[in-house]
Amino acid sequence: SLKAEDTAVYSCAARRTSAGISTWSGIQSGYDYWG
């Protein structure tokens, strides 16, 4: 159900963690690697 407002460059990022998802998922500076 894609919309015009979904237009963007999409990137994935990874960080080594076993913490709860809400504690790290939105913090861009916390990711170790980016595509």
ModelCIF file with pLDDT and N, C-alpha, C, O atoms, coordinates in Angstrom:
data_MODEL
#
_entry.id   MODEL 
#
_entity.id                         1 
_entity.type                       polymer 
_entity.pdbx_number_of_molecules   1 
#
_entity_poly.entity_id                      1 
_entity_poly.type                           'polypeptide(L)' 
_entity_poly.nstd_linkage                   no 
_entity_poly.nstd_monomer                   no 
_entity_poly.pdbx_seq_one_letter_code       SLKAEDTAVYSCAARRTSAGISTWSGIQSGYDYWG 
_entity_poly.pdbx_seq_one_letter_code_can   SLKAEDTAVYSCAARRTSAGISTWSGIQSGYDYWG 
_entity_poly.pdbx_strand_id                 A 
#
loop_
_entity_poly_seq.entity_id 
_entity_poly_seq.num 
_entity_poly_seq.mon_id 
_entity_poly_seq.hetero 
1 1  SER n 
1 2  LEU n 
1 3  LYS n 
1 4  ALA n 
1 5  GLU n 
1 6  ASP n 
1 7  THR n 
1 8  ALA n 
1 9  VAL n 
1 10 TYR n 
1 11 SER n 
1 12 CYS n 
1 13 ALA n 
1 14 ALA n 
1 15 ARG n 
1 16 ARG n 
1 17 THR n 
1 18 SER n 
1 19 ALA n 
1 20 GLY n 
1 21 ILE n 
1 22 SER n 
1 23 THR n 
1 24 TRP n 
1 25 SER n 
1 26 GLY n 
1 27 ILE n 
1 28 GLN n 
1 29 SER n 
1 30 GLY n 
1 31 TYR n 
1 32 ASP n 
1 33 TYR n 
1 34 TRP n 
1 35 GLY n 
#
_struct_asym.id          A 
_struct_asym.entity_id   1 
#
loop_
_ma_qa_metric.id 
_ma_qa_metric.mode 
_ma_qa_metric.name 
_ma_qa_metric.software_group_id 
_ma_qa_metric.type 
1 global pLDDT . pLDDT 
2 local  pLDDT . pLDDT 
#
_ma_qa_metric_global.metric_id      1 
_ma_qa_metric_global.metric_value   93.57 
_ma_qa_metric_global.model_id       1 
_ma_qa_metric_global.ordinal_id     1 
#
loop_
_ma_qa_metric_local.label_asym_id 
_ma_qa_metric_local.label_comp_id 
_ma_qa_metric_local.label_seq_id 
_ma_qa_metric_local.metric_id 
_ma_qa_metric_local.metric_value 
_ma_qa_metric_local.model_id 
_ma_qa_metric_local.ordinal_id 
A SER 1  2 98.00 1 1  
A LEU 2  2 98.00 1 2  
A LYS 3  2 98.00 1 3  
A ALA 4  2 97.00 1 4  
A GLU 5  2 97.00 1 5  
A ASP 6  2 98.00 1 6  
A THR 7  2 98.00 1 7  
A ALA 8  2 98.00 1 8  
A VAL 9  2 98.00 1 9  
A TYR 10 2 98.00 1 10 
A SER 11 2 98.00 1 11 
A CYS 12 2 98.00 1 12 
A ALA 13 2 97.00 1 13 
A ALA 14 2 96.00 1 14 
A ARG 15 2 94.00 1 15 
A ARG 16 2 91.00 1 16 
A THR 17 2 87.00 1 17 
A SER 18 2 83.00 1 18 
A ALA 19 2 86.00 1 19 
A GLY 20 2 88.00 1 20 
A ILE 21 2 90.00 1 21 
A SER 22 2 87.00 1 22 
A THR 23 2 87.00 1 23 
A TRP 24 2 91.00 1 24 
A SER 25 2 89.00 1 25 
A GLY 26 2 90.00 1 26 
A ILE 27 2 92.00 1 27 
A GLN 28 2 93.00 1 28 
A SER 29 2 92.00 1 29 
A GLY 30 2 91.00 1 30 
A TYR 31 2 95.00 1 31 
A ASP 32 2 93.00 1 32 
A TYR 33 2 95.00 1 33 
A TRP 34 2 97.00 1 34 
A GLY 35 2 97.00 1 35 
#
loop_
_atom_site.group_PDB 
_atom_site.id 
_atom_site.type_symbol 
_atom_site.label_atom_id 
_atom_site.label_alt_id 
_atom_site.label_comp_id 
_atom_site.label_asym_id 
_atom_site.label_entity_id 
_atom_site.label_seq_id 
_atom_site.pdbx_PDB_ins_code 
_atom_site.Cartn_x 
_atom_site.Cartn_y 
_atom_site.Cartn_z 
_atom_site.occupancy 
_atom_site.B_iso_or_equiv 
_atom_site.pdbx_formal_charge 
_atom_site.auth_seq_id 
_atom_site.auth_comp_id 
_atom_site.auth_asym_id 
_atom_site.auth_atom_id 
_atom_site.pdbx_PDB_model_num 
ATOM 1   N N  . SER A 1 1  ? 0.824  -1.211 0.000  1.00 98.00 ? 1  SER A N  1 
ATOM 2   C CA . SER A 1 1  ? 0.000  0.000  0.000  1.00 98.00 ? 1  SER A CA 1 
ATOM 3   C C  . SER A 1 1  ? 0.854  1.255  0.000  1.00 98.00 ? 1  SER A C  1 
ATOM 4   O O  . SER A 1 1  ? 0.624  2.186  0.772  1.00 98.00 ? 1  SER A O  1 
ATOM 5   N N  . LEU A 1 2  ? 1.831  1.262  -0.870 1.00 98.00 ? 2  LEU A N  1 
ATOM 6   C CA . LEU A 1 2  ? 2.781  2.372  -0.874 1.00 98.00 ? 2  LEU A CA 1 
ATOM 7   C C  . LEU A 1 2  ? 2.131  3.688  -1.283 1.00 98.00 ? 2  LEU A C  1 
ATOM 8   O O  . LEU A 1 2  ? 1.222  3.729  -2.111 1.00 98.00 ? 2  LEU A O  1 
ATOM 9   N N  . LYS A 1 3  ? 2.627  4.757  -0.676 1.00 98.00 ? 3  LYS A N  1 
ATOM 10  C CA . LYS A 1 3  ? 2.113  6.094  -0.915 1.00 98.00 ? 3  LYS A CA 1 
ATOM 11  C C  . LYS A 1 3  ? 3.246  6.983  -1.435 1.00 98.00 ? 3  LYS A C  1 
ATOM 12  O O  . LYS A 1 3  ? 4.425  6.659  -1.292 1.00 98.00 ? 3  LYS A O  1 
ATOM 13  N N  . ALA A 1 4  ? 2.871  8.079  -2.024 1.00 97.00 ? 4  ALA A N  1 
ATOM 14  C CA . ALA A 1 4  ? 3.880  9.007  -2.533 1.00 97.00 ? 4  ALA A CA 1 
ATOM 15  C C  . ALA A 1 4  ? 4.827  9.452  -1.417 1.00 97.00 ? 4  ALA A C  1 
ATOM 16  O O  . ALA A 1 4  ? 6.019  9.660  -1.644 1.00 97.00 ? 4  ALA A O  1 
ATOM 17  N N  . GLU A 1 5  ? 4.288  9.593  -0.235 1.00 97.00 ? 5  GLU A N  1 
ATOM 18  C CA . GLU A 1 5  ? 5.112  10.053 0.884  1.00 97.00 ? 5  GLU A CA 1 
ATOM 19  C C  . GLU A 1 5  ? 6.092  9.006  1.403  1.00 97.00 ? 5  GLU A C  1 
ATOM 20  O O  . GLU A 1 5  ? 6.899  9.293  2.287  1.00 97.00 ? 5  GLU A O  1 
ATOM 21  N N  . ASP A 1 6  ? 6.025  7.805  0.862  1.00 98.00 ? 6  ASP A N  1 
ATOM 22  C CA . ASP A 1 6  ? 7.020  6.778  1.193  1.00 98.00 ? 6  ASP A CA 1 
ATOM 23  C C  . ASP A 1 6  ? 8.275  6.921  0.338  1.00 98.00 ? 6  ASP A C  1 
ATOM 24  O O  . ASP A 1 6  ? 9.261  6.220  0.568  1.00 98.00 ? 6  ASP A O  1 
ATOM 25  N N  . THR A 1 7  ? 8.251  7.808  -0.633 1.00 98.00 ? 7  THR A N  1 
ATOM 26  C CA . THR A 1 7  ? 9.414  8.018  -1.492 1.00 98.00 ? 7  THR A CA 1 
ATOM 27  C C  . THR A 1 7  ? 10.599 8.505  -0.668 1.00 98.00 ? 7  THR A C  1 
ATOM 28  O O  . THR A 1 7  ? 10.512 9.510  0.036  1.00 98.00 ? 7  THR A O  1 
ATOM 29  N N  . ALA A 1 8  ? 11.708 7.773  -0.769 1.00 98.00 ? 8  ALA A N  1 
ATOM 30  C CA . ALA A 1 8  ? 12.890 8.094  0.029  1.00 98.00 ? 8  ALA A CA 1 
ATOM 31  C C  . ALA A 1 8  ? 14.008 7.119  -0.318 1.00 98.00 ? 8  ALA A C  1 
ATOM 32  O O  . ALA A 1 8  ? 13.807 6.134  -1.029 1.00 98.00 ? 8  ALA A O  1 
ATOM 33  N N  . VAL A 1 9  ? 15.180 7.422  0.201  1.00 98.00 ? 9  VAL A N  1 
ATOM 34  C CA . VAL A 1 9  ? 16.270 6.446  0.192  1.00 98.00 ? 9  VAL A CA 1 
ATOM 35  C C  . VAL A 1 9  ? 16.149 5.649  1.478  1.00 98.00 ? 9  VAL A C  1 
ATOM 36  O O  . VAL A 1 9  ? 16.137 6.210  2.574  1.00 98.00 ? 9  VAL A O  1 
ATOM 37  N N  . TYR A 1 10 ? 16.059 4.341  1.334  1.00 98.00 ? 10 TYR A N  1 
ATOM 38  C CA . TYR A 1 10 ? 15.910 3.450  2.481  1.00 98.00 ? 10 TYR A CA 1 
ATOM 39  C C  . TYR A 1 10 ? 17.253 2.800  2.791  1.00 98.00 ? 10 TYR A C  1 
ATOM 40  O O  . TYR A 1 10 ? 17.918 2.251  1.912  1.00 98.00 ? 10 TYR A O  1 
ATOM 41  N N  . SER A 1 11 ? 17.634 2.876  4.065  1.00 98.00 ? 11 SER A N  1 
ATOM 42  C CA . SER A 1 11 ? 18.905 2.310  4.503  1.00 98.00 ? 11 SER A CA 1 
ATOM 43  C C  . SER A 1 11 ? 18.676 1.375  5.676  1.00 98.00 ? 11 SER A C  1 
ATOM 44  O O  . SER A 1 11 ? 17.802 1.606  6.512  1.00 98.00 ? 11 SER A O  1 
ATOM 45  N N  . CYS A 1 12 ? 19.469 0.320  5.727  1.00 98.00 ? 12 CYS A N  1 
ATOM 46  C CA . CYS A 1 12 ? 19.429 -0.539 6.895  1.00 98.00 ? 12 CYS A CA 1 
ATOM 47  C C  . CYS A 1 12 ? 20.667 -0.279 7.748  1.00 98.00 ? 12 CYS A C  1 
ATOM 48  O O  . CYS A 1 12 ? 21.699 0.178  7.256  1.00 98.00 ? 12 CYS A O  1 
ATOM 49  N N  . ALA A 1 13 ? 20.539 -0.577 9.010  1.00 97.00 ? 13 ALA A N  1 
ATOM 50  C CA . ALA A 1 13 ? 21.632 -0.363 9.955  1.00 97.00 ? 13 ALA A CA 1 
ATOM 51  C C  . ALA A 1 13 ? 21.603 -1.481 10.981 1.00 97.00 ? 13 ALA A C  1 
ATOM 52  O O  . ALA A 1 13 ? 20.551 -2.062 11.249 1.00 97.00 ? 13 ALA A O  1 
ATOM 53  N N  . ALA A 1 14 ? 22.756 -1.779 11.552 1.00 96.00 ? 14 ALA A N  1 
ATOM 54  C CA . ALA A 1 14 ? 22.854 -2.885 12.494 1.00 96.00 ? 14 ALA A CA 1 
ATOM 55  C C  . ALA A 1 14 ? 23.639 -2.471 13.733 1.00 96.00 ? 14 ALA A C  1 
ATOM 56  O O  . ALA A 1 14 ? 24.585 -1.686 13.659 1.00 96.00 ? 14 ALA A O  1 
ATOM 57  N N  . ARG A 1 15 ? 23.233 -3.005 14.841 1.00 94.00 ? 15 ARG A N  1 
ATOM 58  C CA . ARG A 1 15 ? 23.977 -2.795 16.077 1.00 94.00 ? 15 ARG A CA 1 
ATOM 59  C C  . ARG A 1 15 ? 23.918 -4.073 16.906 1.00 94.00 ? 15 ARG A C  1 
ATOM 60  O O  . ARG A 1 15 ? 22.907 -4.775 16.943 1.00 94.00 ? 15 ARG A O  1 
ATOM 61  N N  . ARG A 1 16 ? 25.025 -4.343 17.561 1.00 91.00 ? 16 ARG A N  1 
ATOM 62  C CA . ARG A 1 16 ? 25.109 -5.552 18.375 1.00 91.00 ? 16 ARG A CA 1 
ATOM 63  C C  . ARG A 1 16 ? 24.467 -5.267 19.721 1.00 91.00 ? 16 ARG A C  1 
ATOM 64  O O  . ARG A 1 16 ? 24.972 -4.458 20.500 1.00 91.00 ? 16 ARG A O  1 
ATOM 65  N N  . THR A 1 17 ? 23.364 -5.925 19.991 1.00 87.00 ? 17 THR A N  1 
ATOM 66  C CA . THR A 1 17 ? 22.643 -5.655 21.218 1.00 87.00 ? 17 THR A CA 1 
ATOM 67  C C  . THR A 1 17 ? 21.671 -6.774 21.525 1.00 87.00 ? 17 THR A C  1 
ATOM 68  O O  . THR A 1 17 ? 21.146 -7.437 20.630 1.00 87.00 ? 17 THR A O  1 
ATOM 69  N N  . SER A 1 18 ? 21.447 -6.966 22.809 1.00 83.00 ? 18 SER A N  1 
ATOM 70  C CA . SER A 1 18 ? 20.398 -7.891 23.253 1.00 83.00 ? 18 SER A CA 1 
ATOM 71  C C  . SER A 1 18 ? 19.385 -7.143 24.112 1.00 83.00 ? 18 SER A C  1 
ATOM 72  O O  . SER A 1 18 ? 18.538 -7.746 24.772 1.00 83.00 ? 18 SER A O  1 
ATOM 73  N N  . ALA A 1 19 ? 19.492 -5.822 24.088 1.00 86.00 ? 19 ALA A N  1 
ATOM 74  C CA . ALA A 1 19 ? 18.585 -5.005 24.893 1.00 86.00 ? 19 ALA A CA 1 
ATOM 75  C C  . ALA A 1 19 ? 17.202 -4.948 24.255 1.00 86.00 ? 19 ALA A C  1 
ATOM 76  O O  . ALA A 1 19 ? 17.032 -5.308 23.090 1.00 86.00 ? 19 ALA A O  1 
ATOM 77  N N  . GLY A 1 20 ? 16.231 -4.502 25.014 1.00 88.00 ? 20 GLY A N  1 
ATOM 78  C CA . GLY A 1 20 ? 14.876 -4.363 24.516 1.00 88.00 ? 20 GLY A CA 1 
ATOM 79  C C  . GLY A 1 20 ? 14.818 -3.431 23.328 1.00 88.00 ? 20 GLY A C  1 
ATOM 80  O O  . GLY A 1 20 ? 15.526 -2.424 23.295 1.00 88.00 ? 20 GLY A O  1 
ATOM 81  N N  . ILE A 1 21 ? 13.993 -3.746 22.357 1.00 90.00 ? 21 ILE A N  1 
ATOM 82  C CA . ILE A 1 21 ? 13.997 -3.036 21.081 1.00 90.00 ? 21 ILE A CA 1 
ATOM 83  C C  . ILE A 1 21 ? 13.697 -1.551 21.223 1.00 90.00 ? 21 ILE A C  1 
ATOM 84  O O  . ILE A 1 21 ? 14.234 -0.730 20.479 1.00 90.00 ? 21 ILE A O  1 
ATOM 85  N N  . SER A 1 22 ? 12.854 -1.213 22.164 1.00 87.00 ? 22 SER A N  1 
ATOM 86  C CA . SER A 1 22 ? 12.477 0.193  22.310 1.00 87.00 ? 22 SER A CA 1 
ATOM 87  C C  . SER A 1 22 ? 13.627 1.054  22.827 1.00 87.00 ? 22 SER A C  1 
ATOM 88  O O  . SER A 1 22 ? 13.587 2.279  22.712 1.00 87.00 ? 22 SER A O  1 
ATOM 89  N N  . THR A 1 23 ? 14.654 0.416  23.397 1.00 87.00 ? 23 THR A N  1 
ATOM 90  C CA . THR A 1 23 ? 15.765 1.183  23.969 1.00 87.00 ? 23 THR A CA 1 
ATOM 91  C C  . THR A 1 23 ? 16.801 1.586  22.926 1.00 87.00 ? 23 THR A C  1 
ATOM 92  O O  . THR A 1 23 ? 17.619 2.467  23.189 1.00 87.00 ? 23 THR A O  1 
ATOM 93  N N  . TRP A 1 24 ? 16.785 0.962  21.746 1.00 91.00 ? 24 TRP A N  1 
ATOM 94  C CA . TRP A 1 24 ? 17.841 1.261  20.785 1.00 91.00 ? 24 TRP A CA 1 
ATOM 95  C C  . TRP A 1 24 ? 17.355 1.517  19.366 1.00 91.00 ? 24 TRP A C  1 
ATOM 96  O O  . TRP A 1 24 ? 18.069 2.139  18.580 1.00 91.00 ? 24 TRP A O  1 
ATOM 97  N N  . SER A 1 25 ? 16.174 1.060  19.022 1.00 89.00 ? 25 SER A N  1 
ATOM 98  C CA . SER A 1 25 ? 15.777 1.032  17.615 1.00 89.00 ? 25 SER A CA 1 
ATOM 99  C C  . SER A 1 25 ? 15.767 2.399  16.944 1.00 89.00 ? 25 SER A C  1 
ATOM 100 O O  . SER A 1 25 ? 16.151 2.502  15.778 1.00 89.00 ? 25 SER A O  1 
ATOM 101 N N  . GLY A 1 26 ? 15.349 3.437  17.628 1.00 90.00 ? 26 GLY A N  1 
ATOM 102 C CA . GLY A 1 26 ? 15.213 4.744  16.993 1.00 90.00 ? 26 GLY A CA 1 
ATOM 103 C C  . GLY A 1 26 ? 16.423 5.639  17.133 1.00 90.00 ? 26 GLY A C  1 
ATOM 104 O O  . GLY A 1 26 ? 16.425 6.753  16.610 1.00 90.00 ? 26 GLY A O  1 
ATOM 105 N N  . ILE A 1 27 ? 17.448 5.184  17.821 1.00 92.00 ? 27 ILE A N  1 
ATOM 106 C CA . ILE A 1 27 ? 18.627 6.019  18.089 1.00 92.00 ? 27 ILE A CA 1 
ATOM 107 C C  . ILE A 1 27 ? 19.661 5.790  16.994 1.00 92.00 ? 27 ILE A C  1 
ATOM 108 O O  . ILE A 1 27 ? 20.423 4.826  17.050 1.00 92.00 ? 27 ILE A O  1 
ATOM 109 N N  . GLN A 1 28 ? 19.688 6.658  16.016 1.00 93.00 ? 28 GLN A N  1 
ATOM 110 C CA . GLN A 1 28 ? 20.542 6.455  14.845 1.00 93.00 ? 28 GLN A CA 1 
ATOM 111 C C  . GLN A 1 28 ? 22.020 6.397  15.212 1.00 93.00 ? 28 GLN A C  1 
ATOM 112 O O  . GLN A 1 28 ? 22.775 5.619  14.630 1.00 93.00 ? 28 GLN A O  1 
ATOM 113 N N  . SER A 1 29 ? 22.428 7.203  16.158 1.00 92.00 ? 29 SER A N  1 
ATOM 114 C CA . SER A 1 29 ? 23.841 7.236  16.531 1.00 92.00 ? 29 SER A CA 1 
ATOM 115 C C  . SER A 1 29 ? 24.300 5.957  17.209 1.00 92.00 ? 29 SER A C  1 
ATOM 116 O O  . SER A 1 29 ? 25.501 5.724  17.342 1.00 92.00 ? 29 SER A O  1 
ATOM 117 N N  . GLY A 1 30 ? 23.363 5.130  17.637 1.00 91.00 ? 30 GLY A N  1 
ATOM 118 C CA . GLY A 1 30 ? 23.721 3.903  18.321 1.00 91.00 ? 30 GLY A CA 1 
ATOM 119 C C  . GLY A 1 30 ? 24.024 2.731  17.408 1.00 91.00 ? 30 GLY A C  1 
ATOM 120 O O  . GLY A 1 30 ? 24.502 1.692  17.862 1.00 91.00 ? 30 GLY A O  1 
ATOM 121 N N  . TYR A 1 31 ? 23.748 2.893  16.125 1.00 95.00 ? 31 TYR A N  1 
ATOM 122 C CA . TYR A 1 31 ? 23.998 1.799  15.198 1.00 95.00 ? 31 TYR A CA 1 
ATOM 123 C C  . TYR A 1 31 ? 25.476 1.758  14.816 1.00 95.00 ? 31 TYR A C  1 
ATOM 124 O O  . TYR A 1 31 ? 26.126 2.791  14.654 1.00 95.00 ? 31 TYR A O  1 
ATOM 125 N N  . ASP A 1 32 ? 25.979 0.553  14.678 1.00 93.00 ? 32 ASP A N  1 
ATOM 126 C CA . ASP A 1 32 ? 27.397 0.363  14.386 1.00 93.00 ? 32 ASP A CA 1 
ATOM 127 C C  . ASP A 1 32 ? 27.700 0.380  12.896 1.00 93.00 ? 32 ASP A C  1 
ATOM 128 O O  . ASP A 1 32 ? 28.764 0.838  12.478 1.00 93.00 ? 32 ASP A O  1 
ATOM 129 N N  . TYR A 1 33 ? 26.776 -0.114 12.102 1.00 95.00 ? 33 TYR A N  1 
ATOM 130 C CA . TYR A 1 33 ? 27.022 -0.261 10.665 1.00 95.00 ? 33 TYR A CA 1 
ATOM 131 C C  . TYR A 1 33 ? 25.810 0.218  9.876  1.00 95.00 ? 33 TYR A C  1 
ATOM 132 O O  . TYR A 1 33 ? 24.666 0.072  10.306 1.00 95.00 ? 33 TYR A O  1 
ATOM 133 N N  . TRP A 1 34 ? 26.090 0.787  8.720  1.00 97.00 ? 34 TRP A N  1 
ATOM 134 C CA . TRP A 1 34 ? 25.041 1.295  7.839  1.00 97.00 ? 34 TRP A CA 1 
ATOM 135 C C  . TRP A 1 34 ? 25.299 0.824  6.409  1.00 97.00 ? 34 TRP A C  1 
ATOM 136 O O  . TRP A 1 34 ? 26.441 0.673  5.977  1.00 97.00 ? 34 TRP A O  1 
ATOM 137 N N  . GLY A 1 35 ? 24.211 0.600  5.700  1.00 97.00 ? 35 GLY A N  1 
ATOM 138 C CA . GLY A 1 35 ? 24.328 0.320  4.281  1.00 97.00 ? 35 GLY A CA 1 
ATOM 139 C C  . GLY A 1 35 ? 24.296 1.610  3.485  1.00 97.00 ? 35 GLY A C  1 
ATOM 140 O O  . GLY A 1 35 ? 24.383 1.581  2.257  1.00 97.00 ? 35 GLY A O  1 
#
